[in-house]
Amino acid sequence: MQYPLPIAHLIDAYMKLPGIGEKTATRLAFYTMDMPQEDVEDFAKALIQVKKDIHQCPICGNITEKDICDICSNPNRDQTTIMVVEQPKDLMAFEEMGEYDGLYHVLHGVLSPMDGIGPEEINIKSLITRLQKHDEVKEIILALNSTPEGESTAMYISKLIKPAGIKVTRLAAGLSVGSDIEYANSITLKRAVQGRTAL
């Protein structure tokens, strides 16, 4: 059965979201149709507002509605440390933890030659420019996912920064609490050994 055109367009729109297949998109489209008019209008306004009012901080690449994000404009943050993350949602996760008080740099992706993503496609150049302008930075923490792309991006950034004499560290990673060693992959075991701590 063919859906009326407005519903078909809405299904197509929902399918553009990550992880949404045709069945879920169809269910969401019919759910949206049954929503009160006011809720649908608020939903539409929220979508338009986020595209209109949110942009990247020109310093770190975090998302903000201000000229410069709250973290970069906060003089009480530790100006000597920058944590490099892949996406703004990663930054938010560290902020929710409340244990880190330094600055951030958001790459908006990782290197992936297979997908045509090289250094020019992510926010690496602005990190190097930032380090050249601010010699108070003493440490770069690479907080990237332990995927092949995350690992290669971390290595690439490390090679760019180390000659400047800035300390480059990587988040400790390895076996999660309650996991069995026999089921861990080789990368996880390698990182567990490298990140070992004294008792």
Protein backbone atom coordinates (compact mmCIF):
# COMPACT_ATOMS: atom_id res chain seq x y z
CA MET A 1 0.00 0.00 0.00
CA GLN A 2 1.24 3.47 -0.86
CA TYR A 3 1.15 6.08 1.89
CA PRO A 4 -0.20 9.57 1.22
CA LEU A 5 2.66 11.82 0.10
CA PRO A 6 3.01 13.87 3.34
CA ILE A 7 3.36 10.66 5.39
CA ALA A 8 5.81 9.17 2.87
CA HIS A 9 7.92 12.35 3.10
CA LEU A 10 7.86 12.20 6.91
CA ILE A 11 8.92 8.53 6.86
CA ASP A 12 11.80 9.42 4.51
CA ALA A 13 12.80 12.27 6.84
CA TYR A 14 12.88 9.99 9.90
CA MET A 15 14.91 7.40 7.97
CA LYS A 16 17.70 9.98 7.57
CA LEU A 17 18.33 9.73 11.31
CA PRO A 18 21.01 7.22 12.39
CA GLY A 19 19.71 3.81 13.43
CA ILE A 20 16.19 4.45 12.11
CA GLY A 21 14.98 1.87 9.60
CA GLU A 22 11.78 1.90 7.58
CA LYS A 23 9.62 0.20 10.24
CA THR A 24 10.72 2.52 13.03
CA ALA A 25 10.39 5.55 10.74
CA THR A 26 6.84 4.49 9.82
CA ARG A 27 5.93 4.04 13.49
CA LEU A 28 7.36 7.48 14.33
CA ALA A 29 5.52 9.11 11.41
CA PHE A 30 2.16 7.72 12.56
CA TYR A 31 2.95 8.63 16.18
CA THR A 32 3.74 12.18 15.06
CA MET A 33 0.45 12.32 13.16
CA ASP A 34 -1.44 11.43 16.37
CA MET A 35 0.40 14.03 18.49
CA PRO A 36 -1.48 17.19 19.51
CA GLN A 37 -0.94 20.06 17.05
CA GLU A 38 0.84 22.15 19.70
CA ASP A 39 3.37 19.38 20.43
CA VAL A 40 4.12 18.94 16.73
CA GLU A 41 4.67 22.70 16.34
CA ASP A 42 6.98 22.76 19.41
CA PHE A 43 8.91 19.80 17.94
CA ALA A 44 9.28 21.57 14.58
CA LYS A 45 10.37 24.82 16.31
CA ALA A 46 12.98 22.92 18.36
CA LEU A 47 14.45 21.39 15.17
CA ILE A 48 14.64 24.77 13.44
CA GLN A 49 16.03 26.52 16.52
CA VAL A 50 18.86 24.03 17.02
CA LYS A 51 19.96 24.48 13.39
CA LYS A 52 19.65 28.28 13.60
CA ASP A 53 21.09 29.04 17.04
CA ILE A 54 23.73 26.36 17.65
CA HIS A 55 27.19 26.65 16.09
CA GLN A 56 30.73 25.50 16.79
CA CYS A 57 32.90 27.42 19.24
CA PRO A 58 35.65 29.05 17.14
CA ILE A 59 38.26 28.04 19.74
CA CYS A 60 37.53 24.42 20.65
CA GLY A 61 34.82 23.26 18.24
CA ASN A 62 32.29 22.50 20.98
CA ILE A 63 28.65 23.30 20.27
CA THR A 64 27.35 26.56 21.74
CA GLU A 65 24.74 29.23 21.29
CA LYS A 66 27.19 31.95 22.41
CA ASP A 67 30.10 33.50 20.49
CA ILE A 68 32.56 31.42 22.58
CA CYS A 69 31.49 28.38 24.62
CA ASP A 70 31.23 28.49 28.43
CA ILE A 71 34.29 26.27 28.88
CA CYS A 72 36.67 28.33 26.71
CA SER A 73 35.43 31.59 28.25
CA ASN A 74 35.87 30.34 31.84
CA PRO A 75 39.16 31.69 33.27
CA ASN A 76 38.94 29.23 36.18
CA ARG A 77 39.50 26.22 33.93
CA ASP A 78 43.01 24.72 33.87
CA GLN A 79 44.57 26.46 30.84
CA THR A 80 47.56 24.08 30.73
CA THR A 81 45.61 20.96 29.67
CA ILE A 82 43.51 20.25 26.58
CA MET A 83 41.51 17.05 26.21
CA VAL A 84 40.91 16.08 22.57
CA VAL A 85 37.59 14.31 21.96
CA GLU A 86 35.82 13.08 18.85
CA GLN A 87 32.35 14.60 19.30
CA PRO A 88 30.59 17.18 21.53
CA LYS A 89 28.67 14.33 23.21
CA ASP A 90 32.04 12.93 24.42
CA LEU A 91 32.87 16.30 25.95
CA MET A 92 29.47 16.31 27.71
CA ALA A 93 30.19 12.87 29.17
CA PHE A 94 33.44 14.12 30.76
CA GLU A 95 31.72 17.26 32.05
CA GLU A 96 28.97 15.18 33.68
CA MET A 97 31.67 13.15 35.43
CA GLY A 98 32.92 16.38 37.05
CA GLU A 99 36.52 15.20 37.53
CA TYR A 100 38.23 17.15 34.74
CA ASP A 101 38.67 20.92 34.88
CA GLY A 102 40.87 21.59 31.85
CA LEU A 103 39.98 22.69 28.32
CA TYR A 104 38.76 20.64 25.35
CA HIS A 105 39.18 20.36 21.61
CA VAL A 106 36.46 18.64 19.56
CA LEU A 107 37.56 16.98 16.31
CA HIS A 108 34.08 16.28 14.90
CA GLY A 109 35.25 12.93 13.55
CA VAL A 110 38.30 10.70 13.26
CA LEU A 111 40.62 9.84 10.40
CA SER A 112 39.14 7.21 8.12
CA PRO A 113 40.84 6.94 4.70
CA MET A 114 38.33 4.26 3.62
CA ASP A 115 35.53 6.85 4.04
CA GLY A 116 37.55 9.68 2.52
CA ILE A 117 38.09 11.41 5.89
CA GLY A 118 41.59 12.86 6.11
CA PRO A 119 43.18 15.51 8.36
CA GLU A 120 41.51 18.33 6.41
CA GLU A 121 38.02 16.94 7.05
CA ILE A 122 38.26 17.06 10.85
CA ASN A 123 39.22 19.78 13.34
CA ILE A 124 42.97 19.06 13.61
CA LYS A 125 44.42 22.17 11.95
CA SER A 126 42.73 24.50 14.45
CA LEU A 127 44.22 22.45 17.32
CA ILE A 128 47.74 23.00 15.97
CA THR A 129 47.04 26.72 15.45
CA ARG A 130 45.68 26.91 18.99
CA LEU A 131 48.82 25.34 20.43
CA GLN A 132 51.04 27.74 18.48
CA LYS A 133 49.16 30.73 19.93
CA HIS A 134 48.99 29.48 23.53
CA ASP A 135 52.31 28.31 24.93
CA GLU A 136 50.80 27.76 28.39
CA VAL A 137 49.44 24.37 27.22
CA LYS A 138 51.62 21.64 28.76
CA GLU A 139 49.57 18.49 28.12
CA ILE A 140 47.26 17.13 25.45
CA ILE A 141 45.02 14.25 26.56
CA LEU A 142 43.83 12.15 23.63
CA ALA A 143 40.40 10.86 24.68
CA LEU A 144 39.42 9.06 21.49
CA ASN A 145 37.55 5.78 21.13
CA SER A 146 39.60 2.57 21.09
CA THR A 147 38.72 1.81 17.47
CA PRO A 148 41.23 1.46 14.62
CA GLU A 149 40.19 4.94 13.43
CA GLY A 150 40.48 6.41 16.94
CA GLU A 151 43.90 4.82 17.42
CA SER A 152 45.25 6.07 14.08
CA THR A 153 43.91 9.58 14.76
CA ALA A 154 45.59 9.58 18.18
CA MET A 155 48.90 8.49 16.64
CA TYR A 156 48.64 11.14 13.91
CA ILE A 157 47.95 13.95 16.40
CA SER A 158 50.68 12.71 18.72
CA LYS A 159 53.28 12.85 15.92
CA LEU A 160 52.23 16.42 15.08
CA ILE A 161 52.39 17.68 18.67
CA LYS A 162 55.34 15.88 20.28
CA PRO A 163 58.05 17.89 18.43
CA ALA A 164 56.69 21.03 20.15
CA GLY A 165 57.67 19.54 23.53
CA ILE A 166 54.08 19.23 24.73
CA LYS A 167 53.27 16.13 26.78
CA VAL A 168 50.80 13.86 24.95
CA THR A 169 48.84 11.30 26.97
CA ARG A 170 46.13 8.79 26.15
CA LEU A 171 43.24 7.77 28.37
CA ALA A 172 43.89 4.52 30.20
CA ALA A 173 41.75 1.74 28.77
CA GLY A 174 41.54 -1.97 29.14
CA LEU A 175 39.46 -4.58 30.90
CA SER A 176 36.17 -3.36 32.28
CA VAL A 177 35.09 -4.32 35.78
CA GLY A 178 33.55 -7.79 35.82
CA SER A 179 34.88 -8.83 32.41
CA ASP A 180 36.66 -12.12 31.66
CA ILE A 181 40.16 -11.96 30.20
CA GLU A 182 39.50 -14.91 27.89
CA TYR A 183 36.81 -12.95 26.04
CA ALA A 184 38.80 -9.72 25.62
CA ASN A 185 40.20 -8.87 22.19
CA SER A 186 43.92 -8.26 21.63
CA ILE A 187 43.63 -4.44 21.50
CA THR A 188 41.80 -4.39 24.84
CA LEU A 189 44.40 -6.66 26.44
CA LYS A 190 47.26 -4.59 25.02
CA ARG A 191 45.77 -1.36 26.42
CA ALA A 192 45.12 -3.09 29.76
CA VAL A 193 48.80 -4.08 30.04
CA GLN A 194 50.04 -0.64 28.92
CA GLY A 195 47.69 1.15 31.34
CA ARG A 196 48.50 -1.01 34.35
CA THR A 197 48.85 0.71 37.73
CA ALA A 198 50.73 -0.12 40.93
CA LEU A 199 48.79 -1.54 43.90
